[in-house]
Amino acid sequence: MTMTREGRFLSGLSQVLGSGGPALSTNAFVLLLCEVPFCCPFIEFANTVAAKVDQLRSWQKAVFYCGMAVVPIIISLTLTTLLGNAVAFATGVLYGLSALGKKGDAISYARIQQQKQQADEEKLAETLEGEL
């Protein structure tokens, strides 16, 4: 059975769209547009998009980039899509870690624990004096 020209075109189109390639290319373009707009000097709206993305909170950027990276993997789970989306997913993870905040240093943590312990000891002493 031979395929018509239209049938071959639709078959090829479905294979290309089902491979995750266009989504991967779109992700790369969006990531460049949002993070490094100076790489897109001939796109007039690049700076406005970057300015709007900069106004987002870190956790919102994390959700956006990680969600954007998962879509092609859902479409086609191959090594190529995994490696291709690793950069976008890593960017989302870094934004997520920055949303969690800076880790406190050991000295301030020890000071807080000591203050809590002193407060607990004072409450215990007051309780014991009240019972006597």
C-alpha atoms as a PDB file:
ATOM      1  CA  MET A   1       0.000   0.000   0.000  1.00  0.00           C
ATOM      2  CA  THR A   2       1.476   3.318  -1.059  1.00  0.00           C
ATOM      3  CA  MET A   3       1.057   6.544   0.836  1.00  0.00           C
ATOM      4  CA  THR A   4       0.025   9.763  -0.764  1.00  0.00           C
ATOM      5  CA  ARG A   5       2.137  12.870  -0.462  1.00  0.00           C
ATOM      6  CA  GLU A   6      -0.193  14.301   2.176  1.00  0.00           C
ATOM      7  CA  GLY A   7      -0.081  11.064   4.148  1.00  0.00           C
ATOM      8  CA  ARG A   8       3.708  11.045   4.149  1.00  0.00           C
ATOM      9  CA  PHE A   9       3.756  14.704   5.211  1.00  0.00           C
ATOM     10  CA  LEU A  10       1.385  14.094   8.126  1.00  0.00           C
ATOM     11  CA  SER A  11       3.306  10.991   9.163  1.00  0.00           C
ATOM     12  CA  GLY A  12       6.593  12.903   9.153  1.00  0.00           C
ATOM     13  CA  LEU A  13       5.037  15.834  10.985  1.00  0.00           C
ATOM     14  CA  SER A  14       3.689  13.603  13.721  1.00  0.00           C
ATOM     15  CA  GLN A  15       7.105  11.960  14.136  1.00  0.00           C
ATOM     16  CA  VAL A  16       8.842  15.332  14.437  1.00  0.00           C
ATOM     17  CA  LEU A  17       6.310  16.773  16.880  1.00  0.00           C
ATOM     18  CA  GLY A  18       6.219  13.550  18.870  1.00  0.00           C
ATOM     19  CA  SER A  19       9.988  13.510  19.273  1.00  0.00           C
ATOM     20  CA  GLY A  20      10.121  16.475  21.636  1.00  0.00           C
ATOM     21  CA  GLY A  21      12.537  18.344  19.363  1.00  0.00           C
ATOM     22  CA  PRO A  22      10.397  21.441  18.804  1.00  0.00           C
ATOM     23  CA  ALA A  23       9.667  21.703  22.518  1.00  0.00           C
ATOM     24  CA  LEU A  24      13.380  21.381  23.260  1.00  0.00           C
ATOM     25  CA  SER A  25      14.192  24.160  20.781  1.00  0.00           C
ATOM     26  CA  THR A  26      11.466  26.359  22.217  1.00  0.00           C
ATOM     27  CA  ASN A  27      12.820  25.792  25.737  1.00  0.00           C
ATOM     28  CA  ALA A  28      16.299  26.818  24.643  1.00  0.00           C
ATOM     29  CA  PHE A  29      14.958  29.983  23.023  1.00  0.00           C
ATOM     30  CA  VAL A  30      12.842  30.921  26.064  1.00  0.00           C
ATOM     31  CA  LEU A  31      15.748  30.272  28.434  1.00  0.00           C
ATOM     32  CA  LEU A  32      18.053  32.492  26.363  1.00  0.00           C
ATOM     33  CA  LEU A  33      15.388  35.165  26.053  1.00  0.00           C
ATOM     34  CA  CYS A  34      14.700  35.266  29.797  1.00  0.00           C
ATOM     35  CA  GLU A  35      18.204  34.859  31.217  1.00  0.00           C
ATOM     36  CA  VAL A  36      20.530  36.455  28.658  1.00  0.00           C
ATOM     37  CA  PRO A  37      18.573  38.897  26.488  1.00  0.00           C
ATOM     38  CA  PHE A  38      21.777  40.403  25.078  1.00  0.00           C
ATOM     39  CA  CYS A  39      22.131  37.196  23.041  1.00  0.00           C
ATOM     40  CA  CYS A  40      18.961  38.191  21.177  1.00  0.00           C
ATOM     41  CA  PRO A  41      19.775  41.756  20.016  1.00  0.00           C
ATOM     42  CA  PHE A  42      17.485  41.648  16.981  1.00  0.00           C
ATOM     43  CA  ILE A  43      14.394  40.663  18.936  1.00  0.00           C
ATOM     44  CA  GLU A  44      12.728  43.906  19.985  1.00  0.00           C
ATOM     45  CA  PHE A  45      10.826  42.546  22.965  1.00  0.00           C
ATOM     46  CA  ALA A  46      13.779  40.651  24.508  1.00  0.00           C
ATOM     47  CA  ASN A  47      14.572  43.302  27.116  1.00  0.00           C
ATOM     48  CA  THR A  48      10.945  43.701  28.184  1.00  0.00           C
ATOM     49  CA  VAL A  49      10.560  39.931  28.613  1.00  0.00           C
ATOM     50  CA  ALA A  50      13.765  39.789  30.649  1.00  0.00           C
ATOM     51  CA  ALA A  51      12.600  42.705  32.810  1.00  0.00           C
ATOM     52  CA  LYS A  52       9.280  40.971  33.529  1.00  0.00           C
ATOM     53  CA  VAL A  53      11.038  37.703  34.377  1.00  0.00           C
ATOM     54  CA  ASP A  54      13.393  39.568  36.730  1.00  0.00           C
ATOM     55  CA  GLN A  55      10.351  40.804  38.659  1.00  0.00           C
ATOM     56  CA  LEU A  56       9.290  37.241  39.456  1.00  0.00           C
ATOM     57  CA  ARG A  57      10.212  35.678  42.785  1.00  0.00           C
ATOM     58  CA  SER A  58      12.836  32.940  42.865  1.00  0.00           C
ATOM     59  CA  TRP A  59      10.335  30.165  43.584  1.00  0.00           C
ATOM     60  CA  GLN A  60       8.187  31.281  40.641  1.00  0.00           C
ATOM     61  CA  LYS A  61      11.191  31.129  38.317  1.00  0.00           C
ATOM     62  CA  ALA A  62      12.047  27.701  39.733  1.00  0.00           C
ATOM     63  CA  VAL A  63       8.570  26.354  39.003  1.00  0.00           C
ATOM     64  CA  PHE A  64       8.579  27.894  35.519  1.00  0.00           C
ATOM     65  CA  TYR A  65      11.978  26.533  34.469  1.00  0.00           C
ATOM     66  CA  CYS A  66      11.498  23.074  35.983  1.00  0.00           C
ATOM     67  CA  GLY A  67       8.013  22.800  34.484  1.00  0.00           C
ATOM     68  CA  MET A  68       9.318  23.979  31.144  1.00  0.00           C
ATOM     69  CA  ALA A  69      12.040  21.308  31.234  1.00  0.00           C
ATOM     70  CA  VAL A  70       9.665  18.466  32.083  1.00  0.00           C
ATOM     71  CA  VAL A  71       7.319  18.975  29.102  1.00  0.00           C
ATOM     72  CA  PRO A  72       9.663  17.592  26.370  1.00  0.00           C
ATOM     73  CA  ILE A  73      10.623  14.704  28.640  1.00  0.00           C
ATOM     74  CA  ILE A  74       6.940  13.793  28.968  1.00  0.00           C
ATOM     75  CA  ILE A  75       6.541  13.993  25.192  1.00  0.00           C
ATOM     76  CA  SER A  76       9.534  11.779  24.460  1.00  0.00           C
ATOM     77  CA  LEU A  77      11.661  10.115  27.124  1.00  0.00           C
ATOM     78  CA  THR A  78      15.030   9.707  25.430  1.00  0.00           C
ATOM     79  CA  LEU A  79      18.599  10.397  26.440  1.00  0.00           C
ATOM     80  CA  THR A  80      18.684  13.371  24.082  1.00  0.00           C
ATOM     81  CA  THR A  81      15.718  15.096  25.703  1.00  0.00           C
ATOM     82  CA  LEU A  82      17.045  14.323  29.186  1.00  0.00           C
ATOM     83  CA  LEU A  83      20.446  15.840  28.432  1.00  0.00           C
ATOM     84  CA  GLY A  84      18.958  18.709  26.440  1.00  0.00           C
ATOM     85  CA  ASN A  85      16.644  19.746  29.243  1.00  0.00           C
ATOM     86  CA  ALA A  86      19.227  19.322  31.972  1.00  0.00           C
ATOM     87  CA  VAL A  87      20.299  22.967  31.666  1.00  0.00           C
ATOM     88  CA  ALA A  88      16.766  24.320  32.020  1.00  0.00           C
ATOM     89  CA  PHE A  89      16.023  21.974  34.917  1.00  0.00           C
ATOM     90  CA  ALA A  90      19.311  22.875  36.635  1.00  0.00           C
ATOM     91  CA  THR A  91      18.439  26.556  36.286  1.00  0.00           C
ATOM     92  CA  GLY A  92      15.113  25.878  37.984  1.00  0.00           C
ATOM     93  CA  VAL A  93      16.810  23.929  40.763  1.00  0.00           C
ATOM     94  CA  LEU A  94      19.257  26.778  41.389  1.00  0.00           C
ATOM     95  CA  TYR A  95      16.421  29.281  41.579  1.00  0.00           C
ATOM     96  CA  GLY A  96      14.619  26.939  43.966  1.00  0.00           C
ATOM     97  CA  LEU A  97      17.663  26.709  46.199  1.00  0.00           C
ATOM     98  CA  SER A  98      17.989  30.482  46.227  1.00  0.00           C
ATOM     99  CA  ALA A  99      14.321  30.717  47.216  1.00  0.00           C
ATOM    100  CA  LEU A 100      15.051  28.579  50.270  1.00  0.00           C
ATOM    101  CA  GLY A 101      17.499  31.201  51.471  1.00  0.00           C
ATOM    102  CA  LYS A 102      20.968  31.295  52.867  1.00  0.00           C
ATOM    103  CA  LYS A 103      22.045  28.668  55.330  1.00  0.00           C
ATOM    104  CA  GLY A 104      22.730  30.069  58.781  1.00  0.00           C
ATOM    105  CA  ASP A 105      26.222  29.794  60.150  1.00  0.00           C
ATOM    106  CA  ALA A 106      27.011  27.475  63.049  1.00  0.00           C
ATOM    107  CA  ILE A 107      27.810  30.264  65.518  1.00  0.00           C
ATOM    108  CA  SER A 108      24.444  31.998  65.228  1.00  0.00           C
ATOM    109  CA  TYR A 109      22.662  28.639  65.336  1.00  0.00           C
ATOM    110  CA  ALA A 110      24.522  27.676  68.517  1.00  0.00           C
ATOM    111  CA  ARG A 111      23.686  31.058  70.055  1.00  0.00           C
ATOM    112  CA  ILE A 112      19.979  30.586  69.315  1.00  0.00           C
ATOM    113  CA  GLN A 113      20.034  27.085  70.792  1.00  0.00           C
ATOM    114  CA  GLN A 114      21.783  28.379  73.925  1.00  0.00           C
ATOM    115  CA  GLN A 115      19.170  31.118  74.364  1.00  0.00           C
ATOM    116  CA  LYS A 116      16.365  28.551  74.015  1.00  0.00           C
ATOM    117  CA  GLN A 117      18.040  26.279  76.538  1.00  0.00           C
ATOM    118  CA  GLN A 118      18.444  29.135  79.028  1.00  0.00           C
ATOM    119  CA  ALA A 119      14.801  30.108  78.608  1.00  0.00           C
ATOM    120  CA  ASP A 120      13.725  26.489  79.187  1.00  0.00           C
ATOM    121  CA  GLU A 121      15.890  26.255  82.325  1.00  0.00           C
ATOM    122  CA  GLU A 122      14.399  29.491  83.682  1.00  0.00           C
ATOM    123  CA  LYS A 123      10.868  28.219  83.093  1.00  0.00           C
ATOM    124  CA  LEU A 124      11.726  24.942  84.792  1.00  0.00           C
ATOM    125  CA  ALA A 125      13.235  26.794  87.786  1.00  0.00           C
ATOM    126  CA  GLU A 126      10.131  28.996  88.083  1.00  0.00           C
ATOM    127  CA  THR A 127       7.895  25.941  87.934  1.00  0.00           C
ATOM    128  CA  LEU A 128       9.874  24.161  90.625  1.00  0.00           C
ATOM    129  CA  GLU A 129       9.849  27.251  92.904  1.00  0.00           C
ATOM    130  CA  GLY A 130       6.105  27.615  92.431  1.00  0.00           C
ATOM    131  CA  GLU A 131       5.522  24.026  93.562  1.00  0.00           C
ATOM    132  CA  LEU A 132       7.564  24.468  96.762  1.00  0.00           C
END
